[in-house]
């Protein structure tokens, strides 16, 4: 196994929760709350999101589809390194040391 980051093979991925979404991780419901997640080199976006949501049950119930917990629900948008999920990353794309995953509310209307 090749090691990225510290000698134990872990990497750091930054998870930003913006606006009302951060209330699900005990944030103020405004601004940005940043978490730093330690994961193994080769882990995926899905792994990071599952790890965070296991620690925060309110996030888990809001982020994942209520009928299929392996799929994202409809209310939170995921951005990976400044691109919306599905553009240059998928849930099962590998993350790299220093990657940034942003969770923000989906806004619909006009």
C-alpha atoms as a PDB file:
ATOM      1  CA  UNK A   1       0.000   0.000   0.000  1.00  0.00           C
ATOM      2  CA  UNK A   2       1.371   3.397  -0.883  1.00  0.00           C
ATOM      3  CA  UNK A   3       1.012   6.028   1.738  1.00  0.00           C
ATOM      4  CA  UNK A   4      -0.347   9.494   1.096  1.00  0.00           C
ATOM      5  CA  UNK A   5      -0.107  11.904   3.981  1.00  0.00           C
ATOM      6  CA  UNK A   6       1.037  10.580   7.360  1.00  0.00           C
ATOM      7  CA  UNK A   7       2.965   7.341   7.623  1.00  0.00           C
ATOM      8  CA  UNK A   8      -0.146   5.413   8.714  1.00  0.00           C
ATOM      9  CA  UNK A   9      -1.723   5.800   5.246  1.00  0.00           C
ATOM     10  CA  UNK A  10      -4.360   8.307   6.237  1.00  0.00           C
ATOM     11  CA  UNK A  11      -5.228  11.478   4.417  1.00  0.00           C
ATOM     12  CA  UNK A  12      -7.188  14.575   5.430  1.00  0.00           C
ATOM     13  CA  UNK A  13     -10.320  15.610   3.559  1.00  0.00           C
ATOM     14  CA  UNK A  14     -11.992  18.910   4.439  1.00  0.00           C
ATOM     15  CA  UNK A  15     -15.786  18.890   4.689  1.00  0.00           C
ATOM     16  CA  UNK A  16     -17.484  22.293   4.617  1.00  0.00           C
ATOM     17  CA  UNK A  17     -21.146  22.592   5.586  1.00  0.00           C
ATOM     18  CA  UNK A  18     -22.649  25.850   4.370  1.00  0.00           C
ATOM     19  CA  UNK A  19     -25.648  27.813   5.641  1.00  0.00           C
ATOM     20  CA  UNK A  20     -28.568  25.874   7.127  1.00  0.00           C
ATOM     21  CA  UNK A  21     -26.880  22.525   6.402  1.00  0.00           C
ATOM     22  CA  UNK A  22     -24.346  23.021   9.200  1.00  0.00           C
ATOM     23  CA  UNK A  23     -27.116  22.836  11.806  1.00  0.00           C
ATOM     24  CA  UNK A  24     -27.021  19.048  11.201  1.00  0.00           C
ATOM     25  CA  UNK A  25     -23.488  18.920  12.671  1.00  0.00           C
ATOM     26  CA  UNK A  26     -24.324  21.186  15.617  1.00  0.00           C
ATOM     27  CA  UNK A  27     -23.342  24.351  13.726  1.00  0.00           C
ATOM     28  CA  UNK A  28     -25.167  27.693  13.961  1.00  0.00           C
ATOM     29  CA  UNK A  29     -27.283  27.227  10.797  1.00  0.00           C
ATOM     30  CA  UNK A  30     -25.483  30.095   9.081  1.00  0.00           C
ATOM     31  CA  UNK A  31     -22.012  30.654   7.653  1.00  0.00           C
ATOM     32  CA  UNK A  32     -19.631  27.725   7.188  1.00  0.00           C
ATOM     33  CA  UNK A  33     -18.652  24.904   9.517  1.00  0.00           C
ATOM     34  CA  UNK A  34     -15.527  22.970   8.534  1.00  0.00           C
ATOM     35  CA  UNK A  35     -14.743  19.413   9.564  1.00  0.00           C
ATOM     36  CA  UNK A  36     -11.461  17.656   8.878  1.00  0.00           C
ATOM     37  CA  UNK A  37     -11.923  13.967   8.220  1.00  0.00           C
ATOM     38  CA  UNK A  38      -9.136  11.433   8.456  1.00  0.00           C
ATOM     39  CA  UNK A  39      -9.688   8.608   5.970  1.00  0.00           C
ATOM     40  CA  UNK A  40      -7.512   6.003   4.318  1.00  0.00           C
ATOM     41  CA  UNK A  41      -5.764   6.738   1.061  1.00  0.00           C
ATOM     42  CA  UNK A  42      -8.018   5.356  -1.685  1.00  0.00           C
ATOM     43  CA  UNK A  43     -11.277   5.934   0.186  1.00  0.00           C
ATOM     44  CA  UNK A  44     -14.152   7.531  -1.715  1.00  0.00           C
ATOM     45  CA  UNK A  45     -16.419  10.555  -1.475  1.00  0.00           C
ATOM     46  CA  UNK A  46     -19.094   8.122  -0.245  1.00  0.00           C
ATOM     47  CA  UNK A  47     -16.763   6.871   2.527  1.00  0.00           C
ATOM     48  CA  UNK A  48     -16.132  10.408   3.760  1.00  0.00           C
ATOM     49  CA  UNK A  49     -19.823  11.315   3.719  1.00  0.00           C
ATOM     50  CA  UNK A  50     -20.804   8.078   5.494  1.00  0.00           C
ATOM     51  CA  UNK A  51     -18.114   8.654   8.134  1.00  0.00           C
ATOM     52  CA  UNK A  52     -19.367  12.171   8.878  1.00  0.00           C
ATOM     53  CA  UNK A  53     -23.039  11.202   8.838  1.00  0.00           C
ATOM     54  CA  UNK A  54     -22.475   8.289  11.235  1.00  0.00           C
ATOM     55  CA  UNK A  55     -21.247  10.799  13.841  1.00  0.00           C
ATOM     56  CA  UNK A  56     -24.148  13.189  13.219  1.00  0.00           C
ATOM     57  CA  UNK A  57     -27.531  11.403  13.039  1.00  0.00           C
ATOM     58  CA  UNK A  58     -29.380  14.574  11.946  1.00  0.00           C
ATOM     59  CA  UNK A  59     -27.040  14.844   8.957  1.00  0.00           C
ATOM     60  CA  UNK A  60     -27.502  11.163   8.195  1.00  0.00           C
ATOM     61  CA  UNK A  61     -31.280  11.487   8.018  1.00  0.00           C
ATOM     62  CA  UNK A  62     -31.058  14.624   5.846  1.00  0.00           C
ATOM     63  CA  UNK A  63     -28.202  13.639   3.525  1.00  0.00           C
ATOM     64  CA  UNK A  64     -29.183  10.089   2.574  1.00  0.00           C
ATOM     65  CA  UNK A  65     -32.361   8.883   0.873  1.00  0.00           C
ATOM     66  CA  UNK A  66     -34.788   7.578   3.507  1.00  0.00           C
ATOM     67  CA  UNK A  67     -35.633   4.465   1.435  1.00  0.00           C
ATOM     68  CA  UNK A  68     -32.110   3.674   0.207  1.00  0.00           C
ATOM     69  CA  UNK A  69     -29.376   4.859   2.565  1.00  0.00           C
ATOM     70  CA  UNK A  70     -26.750   4.153  -0.113  1.00  0.00           C
ATOM     71  CA  UNK A  71     -28.133   7.013  -2.250  1.00  0.00           C
ATOM     72  CA  UNK A  72     -28.177  10.744  -1.594  1.00  0.00           C
ATOM     73  CA  UNK A  73     -31.442  12.423  -0.705  1.00  0.00           C
ATOM     74  CA  UNK A  74     -32.829  15.383  -2.630  1.00  0.00           C
ATOM     75  CA  UNK A  75     -32.136  18.329  -0.319  1.00  0.00           C
ATOM     76  CA  UNK A  76     -28.366  18.721  -0.019  1.00  0.00           C
ATOM     77  CA  UNK A  77     -26.015  19.498  -2.914  1.00  0.00           C
ATOM     78  CA  UNK A  78     -22.509  18.003  -2.836  1.00  0.00           C
ATOM     79  CA  UNK A  79     -19.551  19.875  -4.317  1.00  0.00           C
ATOM     80  CA  UNK A  80     -16.118  18.274  -4.601  1.00  0.00           C
ATOM     81  CA  UNK A  81     -13.209  20.641  -5.176  1.00  0.00           C
ATOM     82  CA  UNK A  82     -15.466  23.363  -6.626  1.00  0.00           C
ATOM     83  CA  UNK A  83     -17.411  21.080  -9.015  1.00  0.00           C
ATOM     84  CA  UNK A  84     -20.909  19.743  -8.369  1.00  0.00           C
ATOM     85  CA  UNK A  85     -20.964  16.008  -7.716  1.00  0.00           C
ATOM     86  CA  UNK A  86     -21.506  14.247 -11.035  1.00  0.00           C
ATOM     87  CA  UNK A  87     -19.331  16.648 -13.059  1.00  0.00           C
ATOM     88  CA  UNK A  88     -15.789  15.525 -12.251  1.00  0.00           C
ATOM     89  CA  UNK A  89     -16.465  13.289  -9.220  1.00  0.00           C
ATOM     90  CA  UNK A  90     -19.033  10.644  -8.338  1.00  0.00           C
ATOM     91  CA  UNK A  91     -19.892   9.177  -4.930  1.00  0.00           C
ATOM     92  CA  UNK A  92     -17.453   6.370  -5.588  1.00  0.00           C
ATOM     93  CA  UNK A  93     -14.585   8.573  -6.829  1.00  0.00           C
ATOM     94  CA  UNK A  94     -11.423   8.353  -4.733  1.00  0.00           C
ATOM     95  CA  UNK A  95     -10.512  11.338  -2.600  1.00  0.00           C
ATOM     96  CA  UNK A  96      -7.022  12.763  -2.336  1.00  0.00           C
ATOM     97  CA  UNK A  97      -5.219  14.380   0.566  1.00  0.00           C
ATOM     98  CA  UNK A  98      -6.476  17.957   0.914  1.00  0.00           C
ATOM     99  CA  UNK A  99      -9.652  17.487  -1.143  1.00  0.00           C
ATOM    100  CA  UNK A 100     -12.612  19.628  -0.114  1.00  0.00           C
ATOM    101  CA  UNK A 101     -16.183  18.336  -0.034  1.00  0.00           C
ATOM    102  CA  UNK A 102     -18.848  21.011   0.418  1.00  0.00           C
ATOM    103  CA  UNK A 103     -22.421  20.346   1.492  1.00  0.00           C
ATOM    104  CA  UNK A 104     -24.912  23.106   0.758  1.00  0.00           C
ATOM    105  CA  UNK A 105     -28.667  23.267   0.544  1.00  0.00           C
ATOM    106  CA  UNK A 106     -30.353  22.879  -2.808  1.00  0.00           C
ATOM    107  CA  UNK A 107     -32.199  26.028  -3.679  1.00  0.00           C
ATOM    108  CA  UNK A 108     -35.055  25.830  -6.142  1.00  0.00           C
ATOM    109  CA  UNK A 109     -37.086  28.697  -7.433  1.00  0.00           C
ATOM    110  CA  UNK A 110     -36.776  31.792  -9.455  1.00  0.00           C
END
